[in-house]
Amino acid sequence: MGLYQVDIEAEACVIQCEITNLVTAEPQPGAWSSDWDAEGYHELEFRVVSGQAFDTDGTSVDLGRNGCAELAERYAEYIEAELWRHLNAQQLTG
């Protein structure tokens, strides 16, 4: 699915993410088994592949595996929202 760049301004860093799993279930209004079936749902899983942090002078430093893992955990919801924004923008541009 490719790599997606996510800027995390609060941490002055940029990470590269790979979507590892993507599920989109269309709504099935007649389904009674669960709300999810009736309303549809979508979910994704990702991993942070790499990242760069920037100091006040604009010098970049590699975050490394542990730094990337920490950001992925701390900003998981934000990262997921940004990845959905990227995916939705791709759908609009074809």
PDB file of N, CA and C in Angstrom:
ATOM      1  N   MET A   1       0.815  -1.199   0.000  1.00  0.00           N
ATOM      2  CA  MET A   1       0.000   0.000   0.000  1.00  0.00           C
ATOM      3  C   MET A   1       0.856   1.259   0.000  1.00  0.00           C
ATOM      4  N   GLY A   2       2.140   1.113   0.204  1.00  0.00           N
ATOM      5  CA  GLY A   2       3.018   2.271   0.163  1.00  0.00           C
ATOM      6  C   GLY A   2       3.271   2.859   1.537  1.00  0.00           C
ATOM      7  N   LEU A   3       4.137   3.844   1.548  1.00  0.00           N
ATOM      8  CA  LEU A   3       4.469   4.548   2.782  1.00  0.00           C
ATOM      9  C   LEU A   3       3.756   5.890   2.806  1.00  0.00           C
ATOM     10  N   TYR A   4       3.360   6.299   3.998  1.00  0.00           N
ATOM     11  CA  TYR A   4       2.670   7.561   4.188  1.00  0.00           C
ATOM     12  C   TYR A   4       3.420   8.373   5.223  1.00  0.00           C
ATOM     13  N   GLN A   5       3.590   9.648   4.947  1.00  0.00           N
ATOM     14  CA  GLN A   5       4.279  10.541   5.863  1.00  0.00           C
ATOM     15  C   GLN A   5       3.270  11.169   6.802  1.00  0.00           C
ATOM     16  N   VAL A   6       3.594  11.174   8.091  1.00  0.00           N
ATOM     17  CA  VAL A   6       2.740  11.800   9.094  1.00  0.00           C
ATOM     18  C   VAL A   6       3.601  12.775   9.881  1.00  0.00           C
ATOM     19  N   ASP A   7       3.169  14.032   9.923  1.00  0.00           N
ATOM     20  CA  ASP A   7       3.857  15.055  10.712  1.00  0.00           C
ATOM     21  C   ASP A   7       3.241  15.106  12.100  1.00  0.00           C
ATOM     22  N   ILE A   8       4.091  15.066  13.119  1.00  0.00           N
ATOM     23  CA  ILE A   8       3.628  15.203  14.503  1.00  0.00           C
ATOM     24  C   ILE A   8       4.268  16.488  15.031  1.00  0.00           C
ATOM     25  N   GLU A   9       3.548  17.592  14.871  1.00  0.00           N
ATOM     26  CA  GLU A   9       4.096  18.898  15.204  1.00  0.00           C
ATOM     27  C   GLU A   9       4.410  19.045  16.684  1.00  0.00           C
ATOM     28  N   ALA A  10       3.613  18.434  17.550  1.00  0.00           N
ATOM     29  CA  ALA A  10       3.848  18.551  18.988  1.00  0.00           C
ATOM     30  C   ALA A  10       5.204  17.987  19.401  1.00  0.00           C
ATOM     31  N   GLU A  11       5.706  17.050  18.635  1.00  0.00           N
ATOM     32  CA  GLU A  11       7.001  16.425  18.926  1.00  0.00           C
ATOM     33  C   GLU A  11       8.082  16.880  17.944  1.00  0.00           C
ATOM     34  N   ALA A  12       7.743  17.771  17.032  1.00  0.00           N
ATOM     35  CA  ALA A  12       8.671  18.261  15.997  1.00  0.00           C
ATOM     36  C   ALA A  12       9.326  17.096  15.263  1.00  0.00           C
ATOM     37  N   CYS A  13       8.475  16.197  14.743  1.00  0.00           N
ATOM     38  CA  CYS A  13       9.018  15.055  14.015  1.00  0.00           C
ATOM     39  C   CYS A  13       8.101  14.643  12.867  1.00  0.00           C
ATOM     40  N   VAL A  14       8.692  13.872  11.984  1.00  0.00           N
ATOM     41  CA  VAL A  14       8.002  13.329  10.822  1.00  0.00           C
ATOM     42  C   VAL A  14       8.268  11.831  10.816  1.00  0.00           C
ATOM     43  N   ILE A  15       7.211  11.046  10.644  1.00  0.00           N
ATOM     44  CA  ILE A  15       7.374   9.594  10.617  1.00  0.00           C
ATOM     45  C   ILE A  15       6.850   9.047   9.292  1.00  0.00           C
ATOM     46  N   GLN A  16       7.397   7.918   8.902  1.00  0.00           N
ATOM     47  CA  GLN A  16       6.943   7.189   7.716  1.00  0.00           C
ATOM     48  C   GLN A  16       6.195   5.956   8.217  1.00  0.00           C
ATOM     49  N   CYS A  17       4.956   5.795   7.771  1.00  0.00           N
ATOM     50  CA  CYS A  17       4.122   4.686   8.225  1.00  0.00           C
ATOM     51  C   CYS A  17       3.740   3.785   7.057  1.00  0.00           C
ATOM     52  N   GLU A  18       3.626   2.517   7.362  1.00  0.00           N
ATOM     53  CA  GLU A  18       3.147   1.531   6.403  1.00  0.00           C
ATOM     54  C   GLU A  18       1.845   0.954   6.943  1.00  0.00           C
ATOM     55  N   ILE A  19       0.814   0.926   6.114  1.00  0.00           N
ATOM     56  CA  ILE A  19      -0.450   0.304   6.508  1.00  0.00           C
ATOM     57  C   ILE A  19      -0.296  -1.194   6.298  1.00  0.00           C
ATOM     58  N   THR A  20      -0.474  -1.959   7.373  1.00  0.00           N
ATOM     59  CA  THR A  20      -0.283  -3.407   7.303  1.00  0.00           C
ATOM     60  C   THR A  20      -1.588  -4.164   7.124  1.00  0.00           C
ATOM     61  N   ASN A  21      -2.714  -3.541   7.492  1.00  0.00           N
ATOM     62  CA  ASN A  21      -4.007  -4.196   7.343  1.00  0.00           C
ATOM     63  C   ASN A  21      -5.071  -3.115   7.167  1.00  0.00           C
ATOM     64  N   LEU A  22      -5.960  -3.322   6.215  1.00  0.00           N
ATOM     65  CA  LEU A  22      -7.014  -2.359   5.936  1.00  0.00           C
ATOM     66  C   LEU A  22      -8.306  -3.118   5.681  1.00  0.00           C
ATOM     67  N   VAL A  23      -9.351  -2.789   6.455  1.00  0.00           N
ATOM     68  CA  VAL A  23     -10.650  -3.441   6.318  1.00  0.00           C
ATOM     69  C   VAL A  23     -11.723  -2.370   6.184  1.00  0.00           C
ATOM     70  N   THR A  24     -12.549  -2.497   5.162  1.00  0.00           N
ATOM     71  CA  THR A  24     -13.705  -1.615   4.991  1.00  0.00           C
ATOM     72  C   THR A  24     -14.914  -2.503   4.732  1.00  0.00           C
ATOM     73  N   ALA A  25     -15.859  -2.469   5.648  1.00  0.00           N
ATOM     74  CA  ALA A  25     -17.095  -3.249   5.504  1.00  0.00           C
ATOM     75  C   ALA A  25     -18.238  -2.283   5.202  1.00  0.00           C
ATOM     76  N   GLU A  26     -18.876  -2.484   4.089  1.00  0.00           N
ATOM     77  CA  GLU A  26     -19.989  -1.627   3.674  1.00  0.00           C
ATOM     78  C   GLU A  26     -21.188  -1.859   4.597  1.00  0.00           C
ATOM     79  N   PRO A  27     -22.020  -0.831   4.789  1.00  0.00           N
ATOM     80  CA  PRO A  27     -23.219  -0.988   5.618  1.00  0.00           C
ATOM     81  C   PRO A  27     -24.182  -2.022   5.034  1.00  0.00           C
ATOM     82  N   GLN A  28     -24.804  -2.778   5.909  1.00  0.00           N
ATOM     83  CA  GLN A  28     -25.836  -3.744   5.539  1.00  0.00           C
ATOM     84  C   GLN A  28     -27.061  -3.443   6.401  1.00  0.00           C
ATOM     85  N   PRO A  29     -27.888  -2.495   5.972  1.00  0.00           N
ATOM     86  CA  PRO A  29     -28.993  -2.021   6.812  1.00  0.00           C
ATOM     87  C   PRO A  29     -29.930  -3.120   7.316  1.00  0.00           C
ATOM     88  N   GLY A  30     -30.088  -4.203   6.599  1.00  0.00           N
ATOM     89  CA  GLY A  30     -30.991  -5.266   7.029  1.00  0.00           C
ATOM     90  C   GLY A  30     -30.366  -6.247   8.004  1.00  0.00           C
ATOM     91  N   ALA A  31     -29.094  -6.093   8.295  1.00  0.00           N
ATOM     92  CA  ALA A  31     -28.399  -7.035   9.187  1.00  0.00           C
ATOM     93  C   ALA A  31     -28.755  -6.731  10.636  1.00  0.00           C
ATOM     94  N   TRP A  32     -29.060  -7.791  11.362  1.00  0.00           N
ATOM     95  CA  TRP A  32     -29.427  -7.647  12.770  1.00  0.00           C
ATOM     96  C   TRP A  32     -28.376  -8.222  13.702  1.00  0.00           C
ATOM     97  N   SER A  33     -27.299  -8.774  13.156  1.00  0.00           N
ATOM     98  CA  SER A  33     -26.314  -9.453  13.998  1.00  0.00           C
ATOM     99  C   SER A  33     -25.537  -8.489  14.886  1.00  0.00           C
ATOM    100  N   SER A  34     -25.263  -7.273  14.398  1.00  0.00           N
ATOM    101  CA  SER A  34     -24.563  -6.281  15.214  1.00  0.00           C
ATOM    102  C   SER A  34     -24.715  -4.900  14.601  1.00  0.00           C
ATOM    103  N   ASP A  35     -24.459  -3.873  15.415  1.00  0.00           N
ATOM    104  CA  ASP A  35     -24.484  -2.500  14.904  1.00  0.00           C
ATOM    105  C   ASP A  35     -23.447  -2.316  13.808  1.00  0.00           C
ATOM    106  N   TRP A  36     -22.291  -2.971  13.993  1.00  0.00           N
ATOM    107  CA  TRP A  36     -21.210  -2.828  13.018  1.00  0.00           C
ATOM    108  C   TRP A  36     -21.648  -3.327  11.642  1.00  0.00           C
ATOM    109  N   ASP A  37     -22.347  -4.461  11.628  1.00  0.00           N
ATOM    110  CA  ASP A  37     -22.814  -4.991  10.344  1.00  0.00           C
ATOM    111  C   ASP A  37     -23.833  -4.049   9.712  1.00  0.00           C
ATOM    112  N   ALA A  38     -24.734  -3.522  10.503  1.00  0.00           N
ATOM    113  CA  ALA A  38     -25.784  -2.660   9.981  1.00  0.00           C
ATOM    114  C   ALA A  38     -25.237  -1.316   9.499  1.00  0.00           C
ATOM    115  N   GLU A  39     -24.277  -0.759  10.226  1.00  0.00           N
ATOM    116  CA  GLU A  39     -23.765   0.573   9.900  1.00  0.00           C
ATOM    117  C   GLU A  39     -22.479   0.552   9.074  1.00  0.00           C
ATOM    118  N   GLY A  40     -21.838  -0.597   8.995  1.00  0.00           N
ATOM    119  CA  GLY A  40     -20.556  -0.679   8.314  1.00  0.00           C
ATOM    120  C   GLY A  40     -19.428  -0.193   9.223  1.00  0.00           C
ATOM    121  N   TYR A  41     -18.219  -0.488   8.864  1.00  0.00           N
ATOM    122  CA  TYR A  41     -17.080  -0.040   9.656  1.00  0.00           C
ATOM    123  C   TYR A  41     -15.825  -0.090   8.806  1.00  0.00           C
ATOM    124  N   HIS A  42     -14.800   0.560   9.301  1.00  0.00           N
ATOM    125  CA  HIS A  42     -13.493   0.474   8.674  1.00  0.00           C
ATOM    126  C   HIS A  42     -12.433   0.534   9.773  1.00  0.00           C
ATOM    127  N   GLU A  43     -11.349  -0.124   9.528  1.00  0.00           N
ATOM    128  CA  GLU A  43     -10.256  -0.126  10.486  1.00  0.00           C
ATOM    129  C   GLU A  43      -8.947  -0.337   9.740  1.00  0.00           C
ATOM    130  N   LEU A  44      -7.884   0.117  10.356  1.00  0.00           N
ATOM    131  CA  LEU A  44      -6.576  -0.124   9.760  1.00  0.00           C
ATOM    132  C   LEU A  44      -5.558  -0.372  10.855  1.00  0.00           C
ATOM    133  N   GLU A  45      -4.514  -1.064  10.477  1.00  0.00           N
ATOM    134  CA  GLU A  45      -3.363  -1.284  11.344  1.00  0.00           C
ATOM    135  C   GLU A  45      -2.158  -0.746  10.600  1.00  0.00           C
ATOM    136  N   PHE A  46      -1.212  -0.223  11.351  1.00  0.00           N
ATOM    137  CA  PHE A  46      -0.031   0.363  10.723  1.00  0.00           C
ATOM    138  C   PHE A  46       1.202   0.067  11.570  1.00  0.00           C
ATOM    139  N   ARG A  47       2.342   0.300  10.951  1.00  0.00           N
ATOM    140  CA  ARG A  47       3.595   0.269  11.696  1.00  0.00           C
ATOM    141  C   ARG A  47       4.414   1.466  11.259  1.00  0.00           C
ATOM    142  N   VAL A  48       5.156   2.015  12.197  1.00  0.00           N
ATOM    143  CA  VAL A  48       6.032   3.136  11.887  1.00  0.00           C
ATOM    144  C   VAL A  48       7.351   2.550  11.412  1.00  0.00           C
ATOM    145  N   VAL A  49       7.731   2.894  10.207  1.00  0.00           N
ATOM    146  CA  VAL A  49       8.923   2.338   9.569  1.00  0.00           C
ATOM    147  C   VAL A  49      10.169   3.140   9.934  1.00  0.00           C
ATOM    148  N   SER A  50      10.032   4.465   9.939  1.00  0.00           N
ATOM    149  CA  SER A  50      11.172   5.323  10.269  1.00  0.00           C
ATOM    150  C   SER A  50      10.653   6.673  10.725  1.00  0.00           C
ATOM    151  N   GLY A  51      11.554   7.458  11.294  1.00  0.00           N
ATOM    152  CA  GLY A  51      11.158   8.783  11.749  1.00  0.00           C
ATOM    153  C   GLY A  51      12.350   9.687  11.952  1.00  0.00           C
ATOM    154  N   GLN A  52      12.075  10.969  11.839  1.00  0.00           N
ATOM    155  CA  GLN A  52      13.081  11.998  12.041  1.00  0.00           C
ATOM    156  C   GLN A  52      12.529  13.033  13.016  1.00  0.00           C
ATOM    157  N   ALA A  53      13.354  13.414  13.994  1.00  0.00           N
ATOM    158  CA  ALA A  53      13.009  14.504  14.900  1.00  0.00           C
ATOM    159  C   ALA A  53      13.858  15.709  14.517  1.00  0.00           C
ATOM    160  N   PHE A  54      13.311  16.904  14.712  1.00  0.00           N
ATOM    161  CA  PHE A  54      14.000  18.127  14.335  1.00  0.00           C
ATOM    162  C   PHE A  54      14.194  19.018  15.552  1.00  0.00           C
ATOM    163  N   ASP A  55      15.418  19.559  15.706  1.00  0.00           N
ATOM    164  CA  ASP A  55      15.658  20.492  16.803  1.00  0.00           C
ATOM    165  C   ASP A  55      15.275  21.902  16.356  1.00  0.00           C
ATOM    166  N   THR A  56      15.489  22.884  17.221  1.00  0.00           N
ATOM    167  CA  THR A  56      15.068  24.251  16.915  1.00  0.00           C
ATOM    168  C   THR A  56      15.818  24.848  15.729  1.00  0.00           C
ATOM    169  N   ASP A  57      16.995  24.308  15.411  1.00  0.00           N
ATOM    170  CA  ASP A  57      17.763  24.786  14.262  1.00  0.00           C
ATOM    171  C   ASP A  57      17.363  24.081  12.965  1.00  0.00           C
ATOM    172  N   GLY A  58      16.466  23.089  13.064  1.00  0.00           N
ATOM    173  CA  GLY A  58      16.042  22.343  11.888  1.00  0.00           C
ATOM    174  C   GLY A  58      16.914  21.149  11.558  1.00  0.00           C
ATOM    175  N   THR A  59      17.862  20.847  12.447  1.00  0.00           N
ATOM    176  CA  THR A  59      18.720  19.676  12.252  1.00  0.00           C
ATOM    177  C   THR A  59      17.926  18.424  12.592  1.00  0.00           C
ATOM    178  N   SER A  60      18.000  17.419  11.716  1.00  0.00           N
ATOM    179  CA  SER A  60      17.220  16.197  11.946  1.00  0.00           C
ATOM    180  C   SER A  60      18.073  15.119  12.602  1.00  0.00           C
ATOM    181  N   VAL A  61      17.396  14.312  13.394  1.00  0.00           N
ATOM    182  CA  VAL A  61      18.008  13.182  14.080  1.00  0.00           C
ATOM    183  C   VAL A  61      17.107  11.970  13.865  1.00  0.00           C
ATOM    184  N   ASP A  62      17.687  10.845  13.520  1.00  0.00           N
ATOM    185  CA  ASP A  62      16.924   9.613  13.334  1.00  0.00           C
ATOM    186  C   ASP A  62      16.335   9.178  14.672  1.00  0.00           C
ATOM    187  N   LEU A  63      15.053   8.842  14.681  1.00  0.00           N
ATOM    188  CA  LEU A  63      14.399   8.416  15.917  1.00  0.00           C
ATOM    189  C   LEU A  63      14.774   6.999  16.336  1.00  0.00           C
ATOM    190  N   GLY A  64      15.157   6.161  15.400  1.00  0.00           N
ATOM    191  CA  GLY A  64      15.477   4.781  15.726  1.00  0.00           C
ATOM    192  C   GLY A  64      14.233   3.980  16.047  1.00  0.00           C
ATOM    193  N   ARG A  65      14.438   2.699  16.260  1.00  0.00           N
ATOM    194  CA  ARG A  65      13.318   1.789  16.496  1.00  0.00           C
ATOM    195  C   ARG A  65      12.543   2.138  17.763  1.00  0.00           C
ATOM    196  N   ASN A  66      13.251   2.422  18.856  1.00  0.00           N
ATOM    197  CA  ASN A  66      12.567   2.713  20.114  1.00  0.00           C
ATOM    198  C   ASN A  66      11.814   4.038  20.069  1.00  0.00           C
ATOM    199  N   GLY A  67      12.409   5.043  19.446  1.00  0.00           N
ATOM    200  CA  GLY A  67      11.728   6.329  19.312  1.00  0.00           C
ATOM    201  C   GLY A  67      10.472   6.223  18.467  1.00  0.00           C
ATOM    202  N   CYS A  68      10.556   5.472  17.393  1.00  0.00           N
ATOM    203  CA  CYS A  68       9.383   5.261  16.532  1.00  0.00           C
ATOM    204  C   CYS A  68       8.290   4.511  17.280  1.00  0.00           C
ATOM    205  N   ALA A  69       8.673   3.490  18.034  1.00  0.00           N
ATOM    206  CA  ALA A  69       7.693   2.707  18.793  1.00  0.00           C
ATOM    207  C   ALA A  69       7.011   3.571  19.854  1.00  0.00           C
ATOM    208  N   GLU A  70       7.775   4.429  20.495  1.00  0.00           N
ATOM    209  CA  GLU A  70       7.201   5.314  21.509  1.00  0.00           C
ATOM    210  C   GLU A  70       6.185   6.275  20.900  1.00  0.00           C
ATOM    211  N   LEU A  71       6.541   6.871  19.763  1.00  0.00           N
ATOM    212  CA  LEU A  71       5.603   7.773  19.087  1.00  0.00           C
ATOM    213  C   LEU A  71       4.360   7.037  18.608  1.00  0.00           C
ATOM    214  N   ALA A  72       4.540   5.838  18.070  1.00  0.00           N
ATOM    215  CA  ALA A  72       3.403   5.046  17.584  1.00  0.00           C
ATOM    216  C   ALA A  72       2.425   4.762  18.712  1.00  0.00           C
ATOM    217  N   GLU A  73       2.947   4.495  19.887  1.00  0.00           N
ATOM    218  CA  GLU A  73       2.076   4.213  21.025  1.00  0.00           C
ATOM    219  C   GLU A  73       1.403   5.489  21.533  1.00  0.00           C
ATOM    220  N   ARG A  74       2.167   6.543  21.680  1.00  0.00           N
ATOM    221  CA  ARG A  74       1.650   7.792  22.244  1.00  0.00           C
ATOM    222  C   ARG A  74       0.644   8.475  21.316  1.00  0.00           C
ATOM    223  N   TYR A  75       0.861   8.395  20.011  1.00  0.00           N
ATOM    224  CA  TYR A  75       0.029   9.116  19.051  1.00  0.00           C
ATOM    225  C   TYR A  75      -0.765   8.193  18.135  1.00  0.00           C
ATOM    226  N   ALA A  76      -1.069   7.002  18.583  1.00  0.00           N
ATOM    227  CA  ALA A  76      -1.734   6.005  17.725  1.00  0.00           C
ATOM    228  C   ALA A  76      -3.023   6.535  17.096  1.00  0.00           C
ATOM    229  N   GLU A  77      -3.877   7.152  17.879  1.00  0.00           N
ATOM    230  CA  GLU A  77      -5.153   7.643  17.348  1.00  0.00           C
ATOM    231  C   GLU A  77      -4.934   8.767  16.335  1.00  0.00           C
ATOM    232  N   TYR A  78      -4.008   9.670  16.635  1.00  0.00           N
ATOM    233  CA  TYR A  78      -3.709  10.761  15.704  1.00  0.00           C
ATOM    234  C   TYR A  78      -3.124  10.213  14.401  1.00  0.00           C
ATOM    235  N   ILE A  79      -2.183   9.278  14.521  1.00  0.00           N
ATOM    236  CA  ILE A  79      -1.563   8.684  13.330  1.00  0.00           C
ATOM    237  C   ILE A  79      -2.612   7.984  12.480  1.00  0.00           C
ATOM    238  N   GLU A  80      -3.490   7.223  13.126  1.00  0.00           N
ATOM    239  CA  GLU A  80      -4.541   6.526  12.372  1.00  0.00           C
ATOM    240  C   GLU A  80      -5.447   7.518  11.653  1.00  0.00           C
ATOM    241  N   ALA A  81      -5.810   8.606  12.315  1.00  0.00           N
ATOM    242  CA  ALA A  81      -6.656   9.624  11.677  1.00  0.00           C
ATOM    243  C   ALA A  81      -5.947  10.246  10.478  1.00  0.00           C
ATOM    244  N   GLU A  82      -4.657  10.505  10.597  1.00  0.00           N
ATOM    245  CA  GLU A  82      -3.902  11.070   9.488  1.00  0.00           C
ATOM    246  C   GLU A  82      -3.787  10.080   8.325  1.00  0.00           C
ATOM    247  N   LEU A  83      -3.619   8.812   8.639  1.00  0.00           N
ATOM    248  CA  LEU A  83      -3.554   7.805   7.578  1.00  0.00           C
ATOM    249  C   LEU A  83      -4.883   7.710   6.841  1.00  0.00           C
ATOM    250  N   TRP A  84      -6.004   7.776   7.575  1.00  0.00           N
ATOM    251  CA  TRP A  84      -7.319   7.777   6.923  1.00  0.00           C
ATOM    252  C   TRP A  84      -7.465   9.014   6.044  1.00  0.00           C
ATOM    253  N   ARG A  85      -6.942  10.160   6.517  1.00  0.00           N
ATOM    254  CA  ARG A  85      -7.008  11.386   5.719  1.00  0.00           C
ATOM    255  C   ARG A  85      -6.246  11.192   4.405  1.00  0.00           C
ATOM    256  N   HIS A  86      -5.055  10.589   4.474  1.00  0.00           N
ATOM    257  CA  HIS A  86      -4.278  10.300   3.262  1.00  0.00           C
ATOM    258  C   HIS A  86      -5.049   9.372   2.318  1.00  0.00           C
ATOM    259  N   LEU A  87      -5.625   8.299   2.878  1.00  0.00           N
ATOM    260  CA  LEU A  87      -6.361   7.335   2.051  1.00  0.00           C
ATOM    261  C   LEU A  87      -7.576   7.984   1.389  1.00  0.00           C
ATOM    262  N   ASN A  88      -8.319   8.786   2.145  1.00  0.00           N
ATOM    263  CA  ASN A  88      -9.496   9.451   1.586  1.00  0.00           C
ATOM    264  C   ASN A  88      -9.104  10.436   0.491  1.00  0.00           C
ATOM    265  N   ALA A  89      -8.000  11.132   0.669  1.00  0.00           N
ATOM    266  CA  ALA A  89      -7.518  12.063  -0.350  1.00  0.00           C
ATOM    267  C   ALA A  89      -7.124  11.305  -1.622  1.00  0.00           C
ATOM    268  N   GLN A  90      -6.527  10.134  -1.462  1.00  0.00           N
ATOM    269  CA  GLN A  90      -6.156   9.314  -2.623  1.00  0.00           C
ATOM    270  C   GLN A  90      -7.397   8.888  -3.400  1.00  0.00           C
ATOM    271  N   GLN A  91      -8.455   8.516  -2.684  1.00  0.00           N
ATOM    272  CA  GLN A  91      -9.693   8.090  -3.348  1.00  0.00           C
ATOM    273  C   GLN A  91     -10.299   9.238  -4.149  1.00  0.00           C
ATOM    274  N   LEU A  92     -10.209  10.448  -3.630  1.00  0.00           N
ATOM    275  CA  LEU A  92     -10.783  11.599  -4.322  1.00  0.00           C
ATOM    276  C   LEU A  92     -10.010  11.957  -5.579  1.00  0.00           C
ATOM    277  N   THR A  93      -8.698  11.733  -5.551  1.00  0.00           N
ATOM    278  CA  THR A  93      -7.884  12.089  -6.715  1.00  0.00           C
ATOM    279  C   THR A  93      -7.781  10.945  -7.713  1.00  0.00           C
ATOM    280  N   GLY A  94      -8.271   9.777  -7.307  1.00  0.00           N
ATOM    281  CA  GLY A  94      -8.331   8.642  -8.221  1.00  0.00           C
ATOM    282  C   GLY A  94      -7.062   7.916  -8.273  1.00  0.00           C
TER     283      GLY A  94
END
